[in-house]
C-alpha atoms as a PDB file:
ATOM      1  CA  MET A   1     119.051  91.386  20.175  1.00  0.00           C
ATOM      2  CA  SER A   2     117.867  87.839  19.709  1.00  0.00           C
ATOM      3  CA  LEU A   3     120.303  85.045  19.018  1.00  0.00           C
ATOM      4  CA  ARG A   4     118.583  84.160  15.756  1.00  0.00           C
ATOM      5  CA  LEU A   5     118.794  87.750  14.482  1.00  0.00           C
ATOM      6  CA  ALA A   6     122.483  87.988  15.439  1.00  0.00           C
ATOM      7  CA  ARG A   7     123.289  84.785  13.570  1.00  0.00           C
ATOM      8  CA  THR A   8     121.271  85.905  10.537  1.00  0.00           C
ATOM      9  CA  LEU A   9     123.045  89.265  10.393  1.00  0.00           C
ATOM     10  CA  THR A  10     126.422  87.531  10.718  1.00  0.00           C
ATOM     11  CA  ALA A  11     125.577  85.179   7.857  1.00  0.00           C
ATOM     12  CA  ALA A  12     124.415  88.146   5.765  1.00  0.00           C
ATOM     13  CA  TYR A  13     127.684  89.995   6.429  1.00  0.00           C
ATOM     14  CA  PHE A  14     129.761  87.006   5.363  1.00  0.00           C
ATOM     15  CA  GLY A  15     127.557  86.528   2.295  1.00  0.00           C
ATOM     16  CA  LEU A  16     128.155  90.147   1.280  1.00  0.00           C
ATOM     17  CA  MET A  17     131.852  89.749   2.047  1.00  0.00           C
ATOM     18  CA  LEU A  18     132.001  86.748  -0.279  1.00  0.00           C
ATOM     19  CA  VAL A  19     130.429  88.787  -3.081  1.00  0.00           C
ATOM     20  CA  PHE A  20     132.532  91.932  -2.606  1.00  0.00           C
ATOM     21  CA  VAL A  21     135.965  90.328  -2.293  1.00  0.00           C
ATOM     22  CA  THR A  22     135.616  87.874  -5.195  1.00  0.00           C
ATOM     23  CA  TRP A  23     134.957  88.306  -8.894  1.00  0.00           C
ATOM     24  CA  PRO A  24     132.703  89.929 -10.195  1.00  0.00           C
ATOM     25  CA  GLY A  25     131.814  91.934  -7.064  1.00  0.00           C
ATOM     26  CA  PHE A  26     135.435  93.007  -6.600  1.00  0.00           C
ATOM     27  CA  VAL A  27     135.834  94.470 -10.116  1.00  0.00           C
ATOM     28  CA  PRO A  28     134.656  98.047  -9.300  1.00  0.00           C
ATOM     29  CA  PHE A  29     137.132  98.214  -6.414  1.00  0.00           C
ATOM     30  CA  ALA A  30     140.147  96.657  -8.163  1.00  0.00           C
ATOM     31  CA  ARG A  31     142.329  99.740  -8.575  1.00  0.00           C
ATOM     32  CA  VAL A  32     145.549 101.099  -7.143  1.00  0.00           C
ATOM     33  CA  GLU A  33     144.601 104.728  -6.537  1.00  0.00           C
ATOM     34  CA  PRO A  34     143.803 106.185  -4.041  1.00  0.00           C
ATOM     35  CA  LEU A  35     146.219 104.873  -1.461  1.00  0.00           C
ATOM     36  CA  VAL A  36     144.617 104.113   1.895  1.00  0.00           C
ATOM     37  CA  LEU A  37     147.135 104.143   4.759  1.00  0.00           C
ATOM     38  CA  GLY A  38     149.824 103.370   2.205  1.00  0.00           C
ATOM     39  CA  LEU A  39     147.973 100.369   0.745  1.00  0.00           C
ATOM     40  CA  PRO A  40     146.536 100.189  -2.757  1.00  0.00           C
ATOM     41  CA  PHE A  41     142.774 100.673  -2.663  1.00  0.00           C
ATOM     42  CA  SER A  42     142.036  97.070  -3.669  1.00  0.00           C
ATOM     43  CA  MET A  43     144.143  95.707  -0.807  1.00  0.00           C
ATOM     44  CA  ALA A  44     142.631  98.174   1.679  1.00  0.00           C
ATOM     45  CA  TRP A  45     139.157  97.108   0.485  1.00  0.00           C
ATOM     46  CA  ILE A  46     139.835  93.466   1.329  1.00  0.00           C
ATOM     47  CA  ALA A  47     141.570  94.385   4.606  1.00  0.00           C
ATOM     48  CA  ALA A  48     138.534  96.440   5.637  1.00  0.00           C
ATOM     49  CA  TRP A  49     136.198  93.483   5.051  1.00  0.00           C
ATOM     50  CA  ILE A  50     138.500  91.224   7.081  1.00  0.00           C
ATOM     51  CA  ALA A  51     138.699  93.764   9.919  1.00  0.00           C
ATOM     52  CA  GLY A  52     134.926  94.056   9.785  1.00  0.00           C
ATOM     53  CA  SER A  53     134.590  90.291  10.113  1.00  0.00           C
ATOM     54  CA  VAL A  54     136.631  90.424  13.327  1.00  0.00           C
ATOM     55  CA  VAL A  55     134.202  92.987  14.742  1.00  0.00           C
ATOM     56  CA  VAL A  56     131.138  91.031  13.585  1.00  0.00           C
ATOM     57  CA  LEU A  57     132.417  87.788  15.120  1.00  0.00           C
ATOM     58  CA  PHE A  58     133.254  89.566  18.380  1.00  0.00           C
ATOM     59  CA  LEU A  59     129.730  90.994  18.579  1.00  0.00           C
ATOM     60  CA  LEU A  60     128.216  87.596  17.788  1.00  0.00           C
ATOM     61  CA  ASP A  61     130.302  86.067  20.575  1.00  0.00           C
ATOM     62  CA  ARG A  62     128.987  88.691  23.038  1.00  0.00           C
ATOM     63  CA  VAL A  63     125.374  87.896  22.086  1.00  0.00           C
ATOM     64  CA  GLU A  64     125.919  84.138  22.272  1.00  0.00           C
ATOM     65  CA  LYS A  65     127.704  84.463  25.621  1.00  0.00           C
ATOM     66  CA  ARG A  66     124.719  86.323  27.039  1.00  0.00           C
ATOM     67  CA  TYR A  67     122.408  83.486  25.951  1.00  0.00           C
ATOM     68  CA  ARG A  68     124.797  80.792  27.238  1.00  0.00           C
ATOM     69  CA  ASP A  69     124.945  82.500  30.637  1.00  0.00           C
ATOM     70  CA  GLU A  70     121.141  82.720  30.802  1.00  0.00           C
ATOM     71  CA  ASP A  71     120.755  79.001  29.997  1.00  0.00           C
ATOM     72  CA  ASP A  72     123.239  77.743  32.616  1.00  0.00           C
ATOM     73  CA  PRO A  73     122.131  78.602  36.153  1.00  0.00           C
ATOM     74  CA  ARG A  74     125.471  77.329  37.509  1.00  0.00           C
ATOM     75  CA  ALA A  75     127.472  79.739  35.360  1.00  0.00           C
ATOM     76  CA  ASP A  76     129.643  81.967  37.493  1.00  0.00           C
ATOM     77  CA  PRO A  77     131.179  84.851  35.498  1.00  0.00           C
ATOM     78  CA  ARG A  78     134.058  84.965  38.008  1.00  0.00           C
ATOM     79  CA  ALA A  79     134.944  81.292  37.558  1.00  0.00           C
ATOM     80  CA  GLY A  80     138.046  80.571  35.544  1.00  0.00           C
ATOM     81  CA  PRO A  81     138.546  77.713  33.047  1.00  0.00           C
ATOM     82  CA  MET A  82     140.256  75.549  35.704  1.00  0.00           C
ATOM     83  CA  ASP A  83     137.481  75.822  38.312  1.00  0.00           C
ATOM     84  CA  GLY A  84     135.369  73.058  36.805  1.00  0.00           C
ATOM     85  CA  GLY A  85     132.032  74.618  37.762  1.00  0.00           C
ATOM     86  CA  ASP A  86     130.967  72.067  40.437  1.00  0.00           C
ATOM     87  CA  THR A  87     132.243  72.307  43.982  1.00  0.00           C
END
């Protein structure tokens, strides 16, 4: 997946999230029944979008890390944050 496509899909997800967790996009989902894992449906709806954003950001980080590693020929995947990179 290209970096541009990954960023576009991430922006689209957050755009949809903005619509579906705020008024008026939230109105069809603003109800108490059914309970989902003990939460009212409206709260579970918002929690699902937030959990989805964690997954989307993790996947975006994986794609961006792949492109960062390709751009830096000195990048050593075994190097820790205290190694400094140059020896």
